């Protein structure tokens, strides 16, 4: 039998599996007893909740007793206007049954017919909405669905089976629509990220070089495309291969943008013929003009490898020294005694260029401090440069090379840290193998 829900009754509560009307007067939820709120929260995990928004001049709207597909009672709350509905629209409400005859706030009867529906959709964008209209209002109901309602019902044709099924359908359709929208948004975001990645991460310019290149990049910010780390590799017309890796302090979008600016500036200056101290001094000027705060600085490591591949010049601006691995010799760090200051710290600073003998066959790994500052286990101890060198030695002994070596290194650092790293990580590898040696 349909049970009328009085306009002056408060929200029904659920007790012993049966919907029992709460006996408090008024409609404001500010007066809700603590015990009833606890029941509502429990019901949210087991029962569907319907919010009826109606303003029937007759004094009551007839709503039948409702059950979900498992036979559990569907809770019903009643609001007489949109202001009251906003107070009753808590997280445990699954569906809204809206009387389309209800006037929208600040609108007269002659205003747009579906203004109240549009207002509710703005008020509750995550909730399923059923439109309630008079018999013969099929055209108006269809328009309500077009505007955003999940379905429409005729006021004088409500029965328990029809309304229960309509509520379940509306809730599931809303969930499906939401999931589909999120999936579509995720696809668009992934496409945009791929386009941004192609535009912001460098494409090595190594045409004509015998060196092999590999790189791994992992931003520290959740769902970020880029962090403050940056790298690049180019070959100039004289056959010299120039490699660079750097790190802007911080992890936000501003630091990421500054890193991209420094990388582009480095490439342009390198192709223009600048090298060593002159190049780093010019990059410092770029940083000083582009940074948003005077305390922002960047570390940098540059390597220029001679055309024969046997020697290199090394400049360090507050950056960790590269690791070199050669057959028959233990992997080790290149000299770092003449490490200059990070860019942006000291006006007029100088950065000595060190000559390094590479040899006939080698692998050179440049990295940012995100690779060495991860923790080891649950304590405060960090991996550090010594730990990284030992890790790479083991991986080289296991026969790992190129992309496989970098992937294993980053994954092991994450595992040692016990999860995702908070700092950005960039690693690049230049390799001169025996089949390519002169």
Protein backbone atom coordinates (compact mmCIF):
# COMPACT_ATOMS: atom_id res chain seq x y z
CA UNK A 1 0.00 0.00 0.00
CA UNK A 2 1.33 3.47 -0.80
CA UNK A 3 2.21 5.37 2.35
CA UNK A 4 1.80 9.18 2.33
CA UNK A 5 4.82 11.05 3.67
CA UNK A 6 3.55 14.09 5.61
CA UNK A 7 5.07 17.42 4.66
CA UNK A 8 5.88 18.28 8.30
CA UNK A 9 7.54 14.95 9.13
CA UNK A 10 11.30 14.75 9.56
CA UNK A 11 13.65 12.32 7.82
CA UNK A 12 12.72 8.64 8.27
CA UNK A 13 15.31 6.51 10.08
CA UNK A 14 16.01 2.78 9.66
CA UNK A 15 15.67 0.47 12.61
CA UNK A 16 15.66 -3.37 12.67
CA UNK A 17 15.50 -3.45 8.85
CA UNK A 18 12.26 -1.38 8.77
CA UNK A 19 11.92 2.34 7.87
CA UNK A 20 10.52 4.11 10.94
CA UNK A 21 9.51 7.79 10.80
CA UNK A 22 11.55 9.98 13.12
CA UNK A 23 9.30 11.80 15.53
CA UNK A 24 11.06 15.15 15.71
CA UNK A 25 9.33 18.23 14.32
CA UNK A 26 10.58 20.77 11.82
CA UNK A 27 12.77 20.19 8.82
CA UNK A 28 16.20 21.64 9.67
CA UNK A 29 18.99 19.04 9.84
CA UNK A 30 20.81 21.27 12.32
CA UNK A 31 18.56 19.68 14.98
CA UNK A 32 19.40 16.06 14.06
CA UNK A 33 20.14 13.99 17.20
CA UNK A 34 23.56 12.31 17.35
CA UNK A 35 22.04 8.81 17.54
CA UNK A 36 20.03 9.32 14.34
CA UNK A 37 23.11 10.57 12.47
CA UNK A 38 24.89 7.37 13.40
CA UNK A 39 22.03 5.32 11.98
CA UNK A 40 22.15 7.36 8.76
CA UNK A 41 25.87 6.71 8.34
CA UNK A 42 25.38 2.97 8.83
CA UNK A 43 22.49 2.90 6.39
CA UNK A 44 24.64 4.60 3.76
CA UNK A 45 26.73 1.45 3.52
CA UNK A 46 23.75 -0.91 3.18
CA UNK A 47 20.71 0.99 1.93
CA UNK A 48 19.84 3.37 -0.88
CA UNK A 49 18.63 6.80 0.21
CA UNK A 50 16.16 8.91 -1.78
CA UNK A 51 15.79 12.66 -1.33
CA UNK A 52 12.28 13.80 -2.33
CA UNK A 53 12.10 17.51 -3.21
CA UNK A 54 8.47 18.54 -3.56
CA UNK A 55 6.06 21.34 -2.74
CA UNK A 56 2.59 19.80 -3.11
CA UNK A 57 -0.12 22.38 -2.30
CA UNK A 58 -2.30 19.47 -1.19
CA UNK A 59 -0.08 18.88 1.82
CA UNK A 60 1.46 15.51 0.99
CA UNK A 61 3.07 13.54 -1.80
CA UNK A 62 2.23 9.86 -1.97
CA UNK A 63 5.42 7.75 -2.06
CA UNK A 64 5.11 3.99 -1.75
CA UNK A 65 7.22 1.81 0.48
CA UNK A 66 10.41 1.13 -1.43
CA UNK A 67 12.92 -1.71 -1.48
CA UNK A 68 16.20 -2.20 -3.28
CA UNK A 69 17.10 -5.29 -5.33
CA UNK A 70 18.15 -7.12 -2.14
CA UNK A 71 14.85 -6.44 -0.41
CA UNK A 72 16.27 -3.78 1.93
CA UNK A 73 14.15 -0.68 2.53
CA UNK A 74 15.07 2.43 0.60
CA UNK A 75 15.29 5.40 2.95
CA UNK A 76 13.28 8.50 2.03
CA UNK A 77 14.04 12.07 3.04
CA UNK A 78 11.71 14.95 2.24
CA UNK A 79 12.59 18.57 1.48
CA UNK A 80 9.98 21.26 0.78
CA UNK A 81 12.30 23.63 -1.07
CA UNK A 82 15.81 23.82 -2.51
CA UNK A 83 17.26 25.55 0.54
CA UNK A 84 16.12 22.66 2.72
CA UNK A 85 17.28 20.16 0.09
CA UNK A 86 20.79 21.60 0.21
CA UNK A 87 20.92 20.87 3.95
CA UNK A 88 19.63 17.32 3.52
CA UNK A 89 21.89 16.50 0.56
CA UNK A 90 24.53 14.54 2.50
CA UNK A 91 26.98 12.01 1.10
CA UNK A 92 24.67 9.05 1.82
CA UNK A 93 21.97 10.32 -0.57
CA UNK A 94 22.02 8.26 -3.79
CA UNK A 95 19.09 9.63 -5.78
CA UNK A 96 16.91 12.76 -5.93
CA UNK A 97 13.22 12.68 -6.84
CA UNK A 98 12.42 16.22 -7.97
CA UNK A 99 8.98 17.73 -8.46
CA UNK A 100 9.36 19.81 -11.63
CA UNK A 101 6.52 22.06 -10.44
CA UNK A 102 8.70 23.32 -7.61
CA UNK A 103 9.66 26.99 -8.21
CA UNK A 104 13.36 27.74 -8.51
CA UNK A 105 14.83 30.29 -6.07
CA UNK A 106 14.44 33.84 -7.31
CA UNK A 107 12.27 32.80 -10.27
CA UNK A 108 8.58 33.37 -10.88
CA UNK A 109 6.14 30.84 -12.27
CA UNK A 110 6.57 32.26 -15.78
CA UNK A 111 10.32 31.69 -15.92
CA UNK A 112 11.98 28.76 -17.67
CA UNK A 113 10.08 25.55 -16.91
CA UNK A 114 13.14 23.45 -16.05
CA UNK A 115 14.99 26.11 -14.07
CA UNK A 116 14.49 24.14 -10.85
CA UNK A 117 16.00 21.03 -12.45
CA UNK A 118 19.02 22.99 -13.69
CA UNK A 119 19.45 24.38 -10.19
CA UNK A 120 19.37 20.90 -8.65
CA UNK A 121 21.86 19.56 -11.21
CA UNK A 122 24.25 22.36 -10.26
CA UNK A 123 23.61 21.69 -6.57
CA UNK A 124 24.14 17.91 -6.85
CA UNK A 125 26.29 17.11 -9.92
CA UNK A 126 27.25 13.65 -8.59
CA UNK A 127 23.75 12.46 -7.73
CA UNK A 128 21.20 10.63 -9.85
CA UNK A 129 18.05 12.69 -10.49
CA UNK A 130 14.51 11.52 -11.30
CA UNK A 131 12.06 14.14 -12.57
CA UNK A 132 8.49 14.00 -11.26
CA UNK A 133 5.85 15.51 -13.53
CA UNK A 134 2.09 15.44 -13.96
CA UNK A 135 0.32 12.97 -16.24
CA UNK A 136 0.44 14.12 -19.81
CA UNK A 137 3.80 15.79 -19.20
CA UNK A 138 5.80 13.29 -21.25
CA UNK A 139 7.26 16.04 -23.41
CA UNK A 140 8.38 17.96 -20.36
CA UNK A 141 9.81 14.79 -18.82
CA UNK A 142 11.77 13.99 -21.99
CA UNK A 143 13.16 17.52 -21.97
CA UNK A 144 14.21 16.98 -18.34
CA UNK A 145 16.18 13.90 -19.38
CA UNK A 146 17.80 15.88 -22.17
CA UNK A 147 18.83 18.55 -19.66
CA UNK A 148 20.44 15.99 -17.34
CA UNK A 149 17.93 13.91 -15.36
CA UNK A 150 18.34 10.13 -15.51
CA UNK A 151 14.60 9.49 -16.06
CA UNK A 152 11.14 10.95 -15.46
CA UNK A 153 8.00 9.60 -13.75
CA UNK A 154 4.32 10.62 -13.68
CA UNK A 155 3.12 11.76 -10.27
CA UNK A 156 -0.18 9.83 -10.28
CA UNK A 157 1.37 6.57 -11.53
CA UNK A 158 3.84 5.97 -8.71
CA UNK A 159 3.88 2.47 -7.26
CA UNK A 160 6.44 0.57 -5.22
CA UNK A 161 7.78 -1.61 -8.02
CA UNK A 162 8.01 1.16 -10.61
CA UNK A 163 9.65 3.71 -8.34
CA UNK A 164 12.07 1.22 -6.75
CA UNK A 165 13.20 0.07 -10.18
CA UNK A 166 13.48 3.67 -11.41
CA UNK A 167 15.67 4.60 -8.44
CA UNK A 168 17.99 1.62 -8.94
CA UNK A 169 18.19 2.32 -12.67
CA UNK A 170 18.92 6.01 -12.14
CA UNK A 171 21.67 5.31 -9.60
CA UNK A 172 23.38 2.73 -11.81
CA UNK A 173 23.04 4.90 -14.91
CA UNK A 174 24.59 7.84 -13.07
CA UNK A 175 27.47 5.64 -11.94
CA UNK A 176 27.93 4.37 -15.47
CA UNK A 177 27.82 7.88 -16.93
CA UNK A 178 30.32 9.09 -14.33
CA UNK A 179 32.69 6.20 -15.00
CA UNK A 180 32.41 6.72 -18.75
CA UNK A 181 33.08 10.43 -18.39
CA UNK A 182 36.12 9.80 -16.20
CA UNK A 183 37.41 7.24 -18.68
CA UNK A 184 36.99 9.71 -21.54
CA UNK A 185 38.67 12.46 -19.51
CA UNK A 186 41.50 10.07 -18.69
CA UNK A 187 41.99 9.26 -22.36
CA UNK A 188 42.04 12.95 -23.30
CA UNK A 189 44.47 13.66 -20.47
CA UNK A 190 46.72 10.80 -21.57
CA UNK A 191 46.70 12.10 -25.15
CA UNK A 192 47.53 15.61 -23.95
CA UNK A 193 50.30 14.25 -21.74
CA UNK A 194 51.80 12.34 -24.66
CA UNK A 195 51.75 15.49 -26.77
CA UNK A 196 53.27 17.53 -23.96
CA UNK A 197 55.88 14.86 -23.32
CA UNK A 198 56.92 14.89 -26.97
CA UNK A 199 57.16 18.67 -26.84
CA UNK A 200 58.84 19.11 -23.45
CA UNK A 201 61.12 16.09 -23.10
CA UNK A 202 64.06 16.28 -25.48
CA UNK A 203 64.65 14.33 -28.65
CA UNK A 204 68.40 13.63 -28.69
CA UNK A 205 70.24 15.07 -31.67
CA UNK A 206 72.84 12.35 -32.24
CA UNK A 207 72.71 11.82 -35.99
CA UNK A 208 76.09 10.65 -37.20
CA UNK A 209 77.32 9.62 -33.75
CA UNK A 210 78.34 6.07 -32.84
CA UNK A 211 77.21 6.56 -29.24
CA UNK A 212 74.09 4.87 -27.94
CA UNK A 213 71.62 6.80 -25.78
CA UNK A 214 69.06 5.80 -23.14
CA UNK A 215 67.10 7.81 -20.56
CA UNK A 216 64.56 7.40 -17.77
CA UNK A 217 62.44 10.17 -16.30
CA UNK A 218 60.06 10.05 -13.33
CA UNK A 219 58.53 13.23 -11.85
CA UNK A 220 58.10 13.28 -8.08
CA UNK A 221 54.70 15.04 -8.07
CA UNK A 222 51.66 12.80 -8.27
CA UNK A 223 50.20 12.71 -11.82
CA UNK A 224 52.74 15.30 -12.96
CA UNK A 225 54.15 15.14 -16.45
CA UNK A 226 57.41 16.92 -15.69
CA UNK A 227 59.33 17.86 -12.57
CA UNK A 228 62.24 20.19 -11.99
CA UNK A 229 64.77 17.76 -13.52
CA UNK A 230 65.88 18.19 -17.13
CA UNK A 231 68.39 16.70 -19.55
CA UNK A 232 69.48 16.86 -23.19
CA UNK A 233 72.02 15.45 -25.66
CA UNK A 234 73.17 17.01 -28.95
CA UNK A 235 75.96 16.48 -31.47
CA UNK A 236 77.56 19.59 -32.95
CA UNK A 237 78.88 19.77 -36.55
CA UNK A 238 82.48 19.10 -35.41
CA UNK A 239 81.42 15.66 -34.15
CA UNK A 240 81.50 16.50 -30.43
CA UNK A 241 78.65 15.01 -28.40
CA UNK A 242 77.37 17.28 -25.63
CA UNK A 243 75.27 15.89 -22.77
CA UNK A 244 73.64 17.73 -19.89
CA UNK A 245 71.51 16.92 -16.86
CA UNK A 246 70.18 19.38 -14.30
CA UNK A 247 67.83 19.88 -11.39
CA UNK A 248 65.86 22.99 -10.41
CA UNK A 249 65.24 23.12 -6.65
CA UNK A 250 61.59 22.34 -5.89
CA UNK A 251 58.98 20.10 -7.52
CA UNK A 252 56.13 22.34 -8.66
CA UNK A 253 54.96 23.41 -12.13
CA UNK A 254 57.01 26.63 -11.95
CA UNK A 255 60.19 24.62 -11.38
CA UNK A 256 59.25 22.27 -14.22
CA UNK A 257 58.74 25.23 -16.55
CA UNK A 258 62.09 26.72 -15.52
CA UNK A 259 63.79 23.38 -16.16
CA UNK A 260 62.37 23.30 -19.69
CA UNK A 261 63.58 26.88 -20.29
CA UNK A 262 67.10 26.00 -19.11
CA UNK A 263 67.21 22.89 -21.28
CA UNK A 264 66.14 24.79 -24.39
CA UNK A 265 68.62 27.57 -23.61
CA UNK A 266 71.41 24.99 -23.14
CA UNK A 267 70.66 23.38 -26.50
CA UNK A 268 70.60 26.72 -28.31
CA UNK A 269 73.83 27.91 -26.68
CA UNK A 270 75.57 24.59 -27.32
CA UNK A 271 74.62 24.57 -30.99
CA UNK A 272 75.86 28.18 -31.14
CA UNK A 273 79.30 26.99 -30.04
CA UNK A 274 79.39 27.86 -26.32
CA UNK A 275 80.96 25.39 -23.91
CA UNK A 276 82.20 25.04 -20.35
CA UNK A 277 82.40 28.12 -18.13
CA UNK A 278 81.05 30.49 -20.79
CA UNK A 279 77.99 28.31 -21.33
CA UNK A 280 77.24 27.92 -17.62
CA UNK A 281 77.66 31.64 -16.99
CA UNK A 282 75.11 32.43 -19.69
CA UNK A 283 72.70 29.82 -18.30
CA UNK A 284 73.00 31.45 -14.90
CA UNK A 285 71.89 34.74 -16.45
CA UNK A 286 68.88 32.97 -18.00
CA UNK A 287 67.96 31.46 -14.63
CA UNK A 288 68.28 34.78 -12.81
CA UNK A 289 65.93 36.45 -15.29
CA UNK A 290 63.37 33.63 -15.44
CA UNK A 291 63.10 32.41 -11.86
CA UNK A 292 60.13 33.51 -9.76
CA UNK A 293 62.12 33.80 -6.54
CA UNK A 294 65.72 34.84 -5.86
CA UNK A 295 66.25 31.75 -3.71
CA UNK A 296 65.63 29.35 -6.60
CA UNK A 297 68.76 27.70 -7.97
CA UNK A 298 69.63 24.82 -10.28
CA UNK A 299 72.40 22.24 -10.27
CA UNK A 300 73.90 21.15 -13.57
CA UNK A 301 76.32 18.62 -15.02
CA UNK A 302 77.65 19.02 -18.57
CA UNK A 303 79.86 16.64 -20.52
CA UNK A 304 81.36 17.24 -23.96
CA UNK A 305 82.76 14.07 -25.57
CA UNK A 306 85.43 14.39 -28.24
CA UNK A 307 84.67 13.19 -31.77
CA UNK A 308 86.85 10.09 -31.27
CA UNK A 309 84.87 9.21 -28.13
CA UNK A 310 87.94 8.70 -25.93
CA UNK A 311 88.04 11.98 -23.96
CA UNK A 312 85.56 14.35 -22.40
CA UNK A 313 85.33 17.72 -20.70
CA UNK A 314 83.31 17.78 -17.47
CA UNK A 315 81.72 20.77 -15.71
CA UNK A 316 79.81 20.43 -12.46
CA UNK A 317 77.64 23.18 -10.99
CA UNK A 318 76.71 21.80 -7.58
CA UNK A 319 75.66 18.52 -9.22
CA UNK A 320 76.60 14.89 -8.47
CA UNK A 321 79.43 13.57 -10.62
CA UNK A 322 78.62 11.05 -13.39
CA UNK A 323 79.36 7.34 -13.07
CA UNK A 324 81.59 5.62 -15.60
CA UNK A 325 81.79 1.87 -16.23
CA UNK A 326 84.53 0.26 -18.35
CA UNK A 327 85.28 -3.40 -19.11
CA UNK A 328 87.72 -4.96 -16.66
CA UNK A 329 87.48 -2.01 -14.27
CA UNK A 330 85.18 -1.29 -11.36
CA UNK A 331 82.43 1.25 -12.03
CA UNK A 332 83.24 4.53 -10.32
CA UNK A 333 82.38 8.22 -10.15
CA UNK A 334 84.26 10.73 -12.29
CA UNK A 335 86.35 13.30 -10.39
CA UNK A 336 84.35 16.00 -8.61
CA UNK A 337 87.05 17.99 -6.78
CA UNK A 338 86.48 21.07 -8.94
CA UNK A 339 82.71 21.12 -8.47
CA UNK A 340 81.52 24.72 -8.89
CA UNK A 341 78.46 26.31 -7.22
CA UNK A 342 74.91 25.69 -8.35
CA UNK A 343 73.53 28.16 -10.87
CA UNK A 344 71.85 31.15 -9.26
CA UNK A 345 73.77 31.12 -5.97
CA UNK A 346 76.84 33.28 -6.58
CA UNK A 347 76.97 36.19 -9.05
CA UNK A 348 80.08 36.03 -11.20
CA UNK A 349 80.83 32.40 -10.25
CA UNK A 350 83.22 30.25 -12.32
CA UNK A 351 82.96 26.57 -13.25
CA UNK A 352 86.24 24.79 -14.05
CA UNK A 353 86.21 22.34 -16.96
CA UNK A 354 87.97 19.08 -16.14
CA UNK A 355 89.52 16.81 -18.77
CA UNK A 356 88.58 13.13 -18.36
CA UNK A 357 90.00 10.09 -20.15
CA UNK A 358 87.16 7.75 -21.09
CA UNK A 359 88.99 5.03 -22.98
CA UNK A 360 88.07 2.76 -25.86
CA UNK A 361 84.86 1.23 -24.46
CA UNK A 362 82.67 2.75 -21.74
CA UNK A 363 79.23 3.60 -20.36
CA UNK A 364 78.63 7.03 -18.84
CA UNK A 365 75.63 7.56 -16.55
CA UNK A 366 74.40 11.06 -15.64
CA UNK A 367 71.69 11.34 -12.96
CA UNK A 368 69.90 13.75 -10.63
CA UNK A 369 69.93 13.52 -6.84
CA UNK A 370 66.49 11.87 -6.82
CA UNK A 371 68.32 8.64 -7.63
CA UNK A 372 70.56 8.81 -4.56
CA UNK A 373 68.41 10.53 -1.91
CA UNK A 374 65.76 7.83 -1.52
CA UNK A 375 65.63 6.12 1.85
CA UNK A 376 66.80 2.60 2.59
CA UNK A 377 64.03 0.76 4.42
CA UNK A 378 62.10 2.41 7.24
CA UNK A 379 65.01 4.28 8.82
CA UNK A 380 66.51 7.66 7.99
CA UNK A 381 69.48 6.26 6.06
CA UNK A 382 69.62 7.23 2.40
CA UNK A 383 71.10 5.36 -0.53
CA UNK A 384 73.73 7.99 -1.32
CA UNK A 385 76.32 7.96 -4.09
CA UNK A 386 78.25 5.04 -2.64
CA UNK A 387 75.10 2.93 -2.42
CA UNK A 388 74.14 3.85 -5.97
CA UNK A 389 77.60 2.89 -7.27
CA UNK A 390 77.38 -0.51 -5.56
CA UNK A 391 73.87 -1.04 -6.95
CA UNK A 392 74.95 -0.24 -10.52
CA UNK A 393 78.01 -2.48 -10.18
CA UNK A 394 75.75 -5.41 -9.28
CA UNK A 395 73.40 -4.69 -12.15
CA UNK A 396 76.28 -4.43 -14.63
CA UNK A 397 77.69 -7.71 -13.33
CA UNK A 398 74.27 -9.25 -14.01
CA UNK A 399 74.62 -8.23 -17.65
CA UNK A 400 72.19 -5.28 -17.66
CA UNK A 401 72.85 -2.55 -20.20
CA UNK A 402 71.13 0.48 -21.76
CA UNK A 403 67.41 0.94 -21.10
CA UNK A 404 67.30 -2.28 -19.10
CA UNK A 405 70.02 -1.01 -16.74
CA UNK A 406 68.27 2.33 -16.15
CA UNK A 407 64.90 0.68 -15.61
CA UNK A 408 66.39 -1.74 -13.06
CA UNK A 409 68.22 1.09 -11.26
CA UNK A 410 65.12 3.29 -10.87
CA UNK A 411 62.95 0.33 -9.82
CA UNK A 412 65.44 -0.83 -7.19
CA UNK A 413 65.72 2.68 -5.76
CA UNK A 414 61.91 2.77 -5.44
CA UNK A 415 61.85 -0.64 -3.76
CA UNK A 416 64.56 0.39 -1.29
CA UNK A 417 62.57 3.53 -0.53
CA UNK A 418 59.48 1.44 0.22
CA UNK A 419 57.36 3.13 -2.43
CA UNK A 420 57.27 6.09 -4.78
CA UNK A 421 60.09 8.60 -4.51
CA UNK A 422 59.16 12.13 -3.44
CA UNK A 423 61.88 13.73 -5.56
CA UNK A 424 62.12 13.87 -9.34
CA UNK A 425 64.44 11.35 -10.98
CA UNK A 426 66.22 11.73 -14.31
CA UNK A 427 68.91 9.36 -15.55
CA UNK A 428 70.61 9.22 -18.94
CA UNK A 429 73.19 6.80 -20.29
CA UNK A 430 75.70 7.25 -23.11
CA UNK A 431 77.36 4.06 -24.23
CA UNK A 432 80.31 3.34 -26.51
CA UNK A 433 80.41 -0.37 -27.20
CA UNK A 434 83.24 -2.52 -28.63
CA UNK A 435 81.58 -2.96 -32.00
CA UNK A 436 81.47 0.81 -32.35
CA UNK A 437 84.92 1.60 -31.03
CA UNK A 438 87.56 2.83 -33.45
